[in-house]
Amino acid sequence: MGRYYSGDIEGKFWFGVQDSNDASFFGGEELEPHFINYEFLESDLEEIREGLATCKKELRPHKTKMAKFFKSRETYSDEQLASELIMAPSKIASLLVWYARYTLGKKILKCVEKQGCCYFDAEL
């Protein structure tokens, strides 16, 4: 069973990798009962972009290979990804956190750029 986010953007948090409050990394405002309600405005664009830049820095030089890897699969194992990235499986967990965060941040950025704001609820 997974945890989802919905509103102006929708998706599923990465099981065992990504916390429900991961969008806090990009700024915004948390409003919570059983969900975390996120609000991102145009005034948050700089912080969102800074967050994405940090994600890219942490993923370097693996971001492109990871994007290709996940685009071609619905399921994966750490061992498969480690083989693709030519690294020890023990180092995969940290990269997965940054990659999951990066994909969430890209959705937030695209939504704010398109609509001027982005609202969504994240299941706790």
N, C-alpha and C. Protein backbone atom coordinates (compact mmCIF):
# COMPACT_ATOMS: atom_id res chain seq x y z
N MET A 1 0.84 -1.17 0.00
CA MET A 1 0.00 0.00 0.00
C MET A 1 0.89 1.24 0.00
N GLY A 2 0.62 2.16 -0.89
CA GLY A 2 1.45 3.34 -1.01
C GLY A 2 0.78 4.58 -0.47
N ARG A 3 1.56 5.62 -0.41
CA ARG A 3 1.05 6.94 -0.02
C ARG A 3 1.09 7.83 -1.26
N TYR A 4 0.01 8.55 -1.44
CA TYR A 4 -0.16 9.35 -2.64
C TYR A 4 -0.18 10.83 -2.30
N TYR A 5 0.03 11.65 -3.33
CA TYR A 5 -0.23 13.08 -3.22
C TYR A 5 -1.16 13.45 -4.37
N SER A 6 -2.04 14.41 -4.12
CA SER A 6 -3.01 14.79 -5.14
C SER A 6 -3.38 16.25 -4.98
N GLY A 7 -3.87 16.82 -6.04
CA GLY A 7 -4.23 18.23 -6.09
C GLY A 7 -3.84 18.74 -7.45
N ASP A 8 -3.10 19.85 -7.51
CA ASP A 8 -2.64 20.37 -8.79
C ASP A 8 -1.63 19.45 -9.45
N ILE A 9 -0.91 18.68 -8.66
CA ILE A 9 -0.04 17.61 -9.18
C ILE A 9 -0.42 16.33 -8.45
N GLU A 10 -0.17 15.20 -9.08
CA GLU A 10 -0.53 13.92 -8.49
C GLU A 10 0.60 12.93 -8.67
N GLY A 11 0.67 12.00 -7.77
CA GLY A 11 1.68 10.95 -7.89
C GLY A 11 1.69 10.09 -6.65
N LYS A 12 2.66 9.22 -6.60
CA LYS A 12 2.81 8.29 -5.49
C LYS A 12 4.21 8.44 -4.93
N PHE A 13 4.30 8.56 -3.60
CA PHE A 13 5.62 8.62 -2.98
C PHE A 13 6.30 7.27 -3.13
N TRP A 14 7.60 7.29 -3.29
CA TRP A 14 8.37 6.07 -3.47
C TRP A 14 8.37 5.28 -2.16
N PHE A 15 7.88 4.06 -2.21
CA PHE A 15 7.75 3.20 -1.04
C PHE A 15 9.13 2.91 -0.45
N GLY A 16 9.26 3.15 0.83
CA GLY A 16 10.51 2.86 1.53
C GLY A 16 11.65 3.81 1.21
N VAL A 17 11.38 4.83 0.40
CA VAL A 17 12.43 5.75 -0.03
C VAL A 17 12.09 7.19 0.34
N GLN A 18 10.84 7.56 0.13
CA GLN A 18 10.45 8.97 0.19
C GLN A 18 9.41 9.21 1.28
N ASP A 19 9.70 10.18 2.15
CA ASP A 19 8.77 10.56 3.20
C ASP A 19 7.62 11.38 2.62
N SER A 20 6.48 11.37 3.31
CA SER A 20 5.32 12.15 2.89
C SER A 20 5.58 13.65 2.91
N ASN A 21 6.52 14.09 3.71
CA ASN A 21 6.82 15.52 3.78
C ASN A 21 8.01 15.91 2.91
N ASP A 22 8.34 15.11 1.93
CA ASP A 22 9.50 15.37 1.08
C ASP A 22 9.38 16.69 0.31
N ALA A 23 8.17 17.13 0.01
CA ALA A 23 8.01 18.40 -0.72
C ALA A 23 8.48 19.59 0.11
N SER A 24 8.58 19.43 1.43
CA SER A 24 9.08 20.51 2.29
C SER A 24 10.49 20.93 1.89
N PHE A 25 11.23 20.04 1.27
CA PHE A 25 12.58 20.33 0.81
C PHE A 25 12.59 21.53 -0.12
N PHE A 26 11.48 21.74 -0.85
CA PHE A 26 11.39 22.80 -1.85
C PHE A 26 10.72 24.06 -1.32
N GLY A 27 10.47 24.13 -0.03
CA GLY A 27 9.83 25.31 0.55
C GLY A 27 8.34 25.06 0.70
N GLY A 28 7.52 26.04 0.29
CA GLY A 28 6.08 25.89 0.40
C GLY A 28 5.65 25.96 1.86
N GLU A 29 4.42 25.66 2.11
CA GLU A 29 3.86 25.73 3.45
C GLU A 29 3.10 24.45 3.75
N GLU A 30 3.42 23.80 4.86
CA GLU A 30 2.71 22.59 5.29
C GLU A 30 1.47 22.98 6.08
N LEU A 31 0.35 22.37 5.75
CA LEU A 31 -0.89 22.53 6.48
C LEU A 31 -1.38 21.12 6.75
N GLU A 32 -1.31 20.62 7.99
CA GLU A 32 -1.55 19.19 8.17
C GLU A 32 -2.60 18.79 9.20
N PRO A 33 -3.47 17.84 8.84
CA PRO A 33 -4.16 16.95 9.75
C PRO A 33 -3.70 15.52 9.41
N HIS A 34 -4.47 14.73 8.62
CA HIS A 34 -4.07 13.39 8.17
C HIS A 34 -3.30 13.47 6.86
N PHE A 35 -3.29 14.62 6.31
CA PHE A 35 -2.56 14.91 5.09
C PHE A 35 -1.66 16.10 5.36
N ILE A 36 -0.65 16.25 4.57
CA ILE A 36 0.09 17.50 4.54
C ILE A 36 -0.43 18.24 3.32
N ASN A 37 -0.96 19.41 3.51
CA ASN A 37 -1.45 20.23 2.40
C ASN A 37 -0.33 21.17 1.99
N TYR A 38 0.05 21.11 0.74
CA TYR A 38 1.14 21.96 0.24
C TYR A 38 0.60 23.07 -0.63
N GLU A 39 1.22 24.22 -0.49
CA GLU A 39 0.90 25.38 -1.32
C GLU A 39 2.23 25.95 -1.80
N PHE A 40 2.40 26.02 -3.10
CA PHE A 40 3.56 26.64 -3.71
C PHE A 40 3.06 27.76 -4.60
N LEU A 41 3.68 28.92 -4.47
CA LEU A 41 3.30 30.09 -5.25
C LEU A 41 4.48 30.55 -6.10
N GLU A 42 4.24 31.49 -6.97
CA GLU A 42 5.33 32.01 -7.80
C GLU A 42 6.47 32.56 -6.94
N SER A 43 6.14 33.05 -5.77
CA SER A 43 7.18 33.56 -4.86
C SER A 43 8.10 32.45 -4.35
N ASP A 44 7.71 31.20 -4.53
CA ASP A 44 8.53 30.05 -4.12
C ASP A 44 9.43 29.53 -5.25
N LEU A 45 9.32 30.11 -6.45
CA LEU A 45 10.05 29.57 -7.60
C LEU A 45 11.56 29.51 -7.36
N GLU A 46 12.13 30.53 -6.76
CA GLU A 46 13.57 30.54 -6.53
C GLU A 46 13.98 29.37 -5.62
N GLU A 47 13.23 29.15 -4.55
CA GLU A 47 13.54 28.06 -3.63
C GLU A 47 13.35 26.70 -4.29
N ILE A 48 12.32 26.58 -5.13
CA ILE A 48 12.10 25.33 -5.86
C ILE A 48 13.28 25.05 -6.78
N ARG A 49 13.70 26.07 -7.52
CA ARG A 49 14.84 25.90 -8.44
C ARG A 49 16.13 25.59 -7.68
N GLU A 50 16.32 26.23 -6.53
CA GLU A 50 17.51 25.93 -5.72
C GLU A 50 17.47 24.48 -5.23
N GLY A 51 16.29 24.02 -4.83
CA GLY A 51 16.15 22.64 -4.41
C GLY A 51 16.47 21.66 -5.52
N LEU A 52 15.99 21.97 -6.72
CA LEU A 52 16.28 21.11 -7.88
C LEU A 52 17.77 21.12 -8.20
N ALA A 53 18.42 22.27 -8.07
CA ALA A 53 19.86 22.35 -8.32
C ALA A 53 20.62 21.49 -7.31
N THR A 54 20.18 21.50 -6.06
CA THR A 54 20.81 20.66 -5.05
C THR A 54 20.62 19.18 -5.39
N CYS A 55 19.41 18.83 -5.81
CA CYS A 55 19.16 17.43 -6.22
C CYS A 55 20.08 17.02 -7.35
N LYS A 56 20.21 17.88 -8.37
CA LYS A 56 21.08 17.57 -9.51
C LYS A 56 22.53 17.38 -9.05
N LYS A 57 22.97 18.24 -8.14
CA LYS A 57 24.34 18.14 -7.63
C LYS A 57 24.55 16.80 -6.92
N GLU A 58 23.58 16.40 -6.10
CA GLU A 58 23.69 15.15 -5.37
C GLU A 58 23.62 13.92 -6.29
N LEU A 59 22.90 14.04 -7.39
CA LEU A 59 22.73 12.91 -8.32
C LEU A 59 23.87 12.81 -9.33
N ARG A 60 24.58 13.88 -9.52
CA ARG A 60 25.64 13.90 -10.52
C ARG A 60 26.60 12.76 -10.30
N PRO A 61 27.02 12.01 -11.22
CA PRO A 61 26.70 12.04 -12.65
C PRO A 61 25.64 11.01 -13.04
N HIS A 62 24.80 10.61 -12.09
CA HIS A 62 23.89 9.48 -12.29
C HIS A 62 22.49 9.85 -12.78
N LYS A 63 22.11 11.12 -12.78
CA LYS A 63 20.73 11.52 -13.05
C LYS A 63 20.24 11.03 -14.41
N THR A 64 21.01 11.20 -15.45
CA THR A 64 20.59 10.80 -16.80
C THR A 64 20.41 9.28 -16.89
N LYS A 65 21.36 8.53 -16.34
CA LYS A 65 21.25 7.07 -16.36
C LYS A 65 20.05 6.60 -15.55
N MET A 66 19.79 7.27 -14.42
CA MET A 66 18.65 6.88 -13.59
C MET A 66 17.34 7.17 -14.32
N ALA A 67 17.26 8.30 -14.99
CA ALA A 67 16.04 8.65 -15.74
C ALA A 67 15.78 7.60 -16.81
N LYS A 68 16.80 7.22 -17.52
CA LYS A 68 16.66 6.20 -18.56
C LYS A 68 16.26 4.85 -17.94
N PHE A 69 16.89 4.50 -16.84
CA PHE A 69 16.61 3.24 -16.15
C PHE A 69 15.13 3.17 -15.74
N PHE A 70 14.62 4.22 -15.09
CA PHE A 70 13.25 4.18 -14.57
C PHE A 70 12.20 4.37 -15.67
N LYS A 71 12.57 5.00 -16.75
CA LYS A 71 11.62 5.18 -17.86
C LYS A 71 11.26 3.84 -18.51
N SER A 72 12.19 2.91 -18.48
CA SER A 72 11.99 1.63 -19.17
C SER A 72 11.48 0.52 -18.25
N ARG A 73 11.11 0.84 -17.00
CA ARG A 73 10.68 -0.20 -16.06
C ARG A 73 9.52 0.24 -15.20
N GLU A 74 8.75 -0.74 -14.76
CA GLU A 74 7.71 -0.49 -13.77
C GLU A 74 8.17 -0.96 -12.39
N THR A 75 9.07 -1.94 -12.36
CA THR A 75 9.63 -2.44 -11.11
C THR A 75 11.14 -2.51 -11.26
N TYR A 76 11.81 -2.56 -10.13
CA TYR A 76 13.27 -2.62 -10.15
C TYR A 76 13.75 -3.17 -8.82
N SER A 77 15.00 -3.51 -8.75
CA SER A 77 15.65 -3.86 -7.49
C SER A 77 16.88 -2.97 -7.35
N ASP A 78 17.33 -2.81 -6.12
CA ASP A 78 18.55 -2.02 -5.90
C ASP A 78 19.73 -2.63 -6.66
N GLU A 79 19.75 -3.95 -6.74
CA GLU A 79 20.85 -4.62 -7.43
C GLU A 79 20.84 -4.29 -8.93
N GLN A 80 19.64 -4.24 -9.54
CA GLN A 80 19.55 -3.88 -10.96
C GLN A 80 20.06 -2.46 -11.19
N LEU A 81 19.61 -1.55 -10.34
CA LEU A 81 20.04 -0.16 -10.49
C LEU A 81 21.54 -0.03 -10.24
N ALA A 82 22.05 -0.71 -9.24
CA ALA A 82 23.47 -0.67 -8.94
C ALA A 82 24.29 -1.18 -10.12
N SER A 83 23.81 -2.22 -10.76
CA SER A 83 24.49 -2.76 -11.93
C SER A 83 24.50 -1.73 -13.06
N GLU A 84 23.37 -1.08 -13.26
CA GLU A 84 23.27 -0.06 -14.32
C GLU A 84 24.21 1.12 -14.04
N LEU A 85 24.32 1.51 -12.78
CA LEU A 85 25.14 2.66 -12.42
C LEU A 85 26.59 2.29 -12.10
N ILE A 86 26.86 0.99 -12.12
CA ILE A 86 28.19 0.45 -11.81
C ILE A 86 28.66 0.96 -10.44
N MET A 87 27.89 0.58 -9.42
CA MET A 87 28.23 0.95 -8.04
C MET A 87 27.71 -0.13 -7.10
N ALA A 88 28.14 -0.04 -5.87
CA ALA A 88 27.71 -1.01 -4.86
C ALA A 88 26.24 -0.79 -4.51
N PRO A 89 25.47 -1.87 -4.38
CA PRO A 89 24.06 -1.73 -4.00
C PRO A 89 23.85 -0.95 -2.70
N SER A 90 24.83 -0.96 -1.81
CA SER A 90 24.71 -0.24 -0.53
C SER A 90 24.65 1.27 -0.72
N LYS A 91 25.06 1.77 -1.87
CA LYS A 91 25.06 3.22 -2.12
C LYS A 91 23.79 3.69 -2.83
N ILE A 92 22.92 2.77 -3.18
CA ILE A 92 21.72 3.09 -3.96
C ILE A 92 20.68 3.86 -3.16
N ALA A 93 20.48 3.53 -1.90
CA ALA A 93 19.41 4.13 -1.09
C ALA A 93 19.48 5.65 -1.10
N SER A 94 20.64 6.21 -0.89
CA SER A 94 20.79 7.66 -0.87
C SER A 94 20.45 8.28 -2.23
N LEU A 95 20.92 7.66 -3.29
CA LEU A 95 20.61 8.17 -4.63
C LEU A 95 19.12 8.12 -4.91
N LEU A 96 18.45 7.07 -4.46
CA LEU A 96 17.01 6.95 -4.69
C LEU A 96 16.24 8.08 -4.00
N VAL A 97 16.65 8.44 -2.80
CA VAL A 97 16.00 9.56 -2.09
C VAL A 97 16.13 10.83 -2.92
N TRP A 98 17.32 11.11 -3.39
CA TRP A 98 17.53 12.32 -4.18
C TRP A 98 16.80 12.28 -5.51
N TYR A 99 16.74 11.11 -6.14
CA TYR A 99 16.05 11.02 -7.44
C TYR A 99 14.53 11.16 -7.26
N ALA A 100 13.98 10.51 -6.24
CA ALA A 100 12.54 10.64 -5.98
C ALA A 100 12.20 12.11 -5.67
N ARG A 101 13.03 12.76 -4.88
CA ARG A 101 12.83 14.17 -4.53
C ARG A 101 12.91 15.04 -5.80
N TYR A 102 13.87 14.73 -6.66
CA TYR A 102 14.04 15.49 -7.90
C TYR A 102 12.78 15.37 -8.78
N THR A 103 12.22 14.18 -8.91
CA THR A 103 11.04 14.01 -9.76
C THR A 103 9.84 14.76 -9.18
N LEU A 104 9.70 14.77 -7.85
CA LEU A 104 8.64 15.54 -7.21
C LEU A 104 8.85 17.04 -7.44
N GLY A 105 10.07 17.50 -7.26
CA GLY A 105 10.37 18.92 -7.46
C GLY A 105 10.11 19.38 -8.88
N LYS A 106 10.41 18.54 -9.86
CA LYS A 106 10.14 18.89 -11.27
C LYS A 106 8.64 19.07 -11.49
N LYS A 107 7.82 18.21 -10.89
CA LYS A 107 6.36 18.35 -11.01
C LYS A 107 5.89 19.66 -10.39
N ILE A 108 6.42 19.98 -9.21
CA ILE A 108 6.04 21.22 -8.53
C ILE A 108 6.42 22.42 -9.38
N LEU A 109 7.65 22.44 -9.89
CA LEU A 109 8.13 23.55 -10.71
C LEU A 109 7.26 23.74 -11.94
N LYS A 110 7.01 22.66 -12.66
CA LYS A 110 6.21 22.73 -13.88
C LYS A 110 4.82 23.29 -13.59
N CYS A 111 4.21 22.84 -12.50
CA CYS A 111 2.87 23.29 -12.13
C CYS A 111 2.87 24.79 -11.80
N VAL A 112 3.83 25.25 -11.00
CA VAL A 112 3.88 26.66 -10.62
C VAL A 112 4.15 27.52 -11.85
N GLU A 113 5.04 27.08 -12.72
CA GLU A 113 5.34 27.85 -13.93
C GLU A 113 4.12 27.95 -14.83
N LYS A 114 3.34 26.89 -14.90
CA LYS A 114 2.17 26.85 -15.78
C LYS A 114 0.97 27.60 -15.19
N GLN A 115 0.71 27.38 -13.89
CA GLN A 115 -0.51 27.89 -13.28
C GLN A 115 -0.30 29.08 -12.34
N GLY A 116 0.95 29.32 -11.96
CA GLY A 116 1.23 30.38 -11.00
C GLY A 116 1.14 29.92 -9.56
N CYS A 117 0.67 28.69 -9.36
CA CYS A 117 0.57 28.12 -8.01
C CYS A 117 0.47 26.60 -8.15
N CYS A 118 0.67 25.94 -7.04
CA CYS A 118 0.55 24.48 -7.02
C CYS A 118 0.09 24.07 -5.64
N TYR A 119 -1.04 23.41 -5.57
CA TYR A 119 -1.60 22.91 -4.32
C TYR A 119 -1.74 21.40 -4.42
N PHE A 120 -1.37 20.70 -3.37
CA PHE A 120 -1.61 19.27 -3.33
C PHE A 120 -1.58 18.76 -1.91
N ASP A 121 -2.20 17.62 -1.69
CA ASP A 121 -2.26 16.97 -0.40
C ASP A 121 -1.37 15.73 -0.45
N ALA A 122 -0.59 15.53 0.60
CA ALA A 122 0.26 14.35 0.71
C ALA A 122 -0.23 13.49 1.87
N GLU A 123 -0.52 12.23 1.61
CA GLU A 123 -0.96 11.32 2.67
C GLU A 123 0.16 11.12 3.68
N LEU A 124 -0.21 11.08 4.95
CA LEU A 124 0.78 10.79 6.00
C LEU A 124 0.82 9.30 6.28
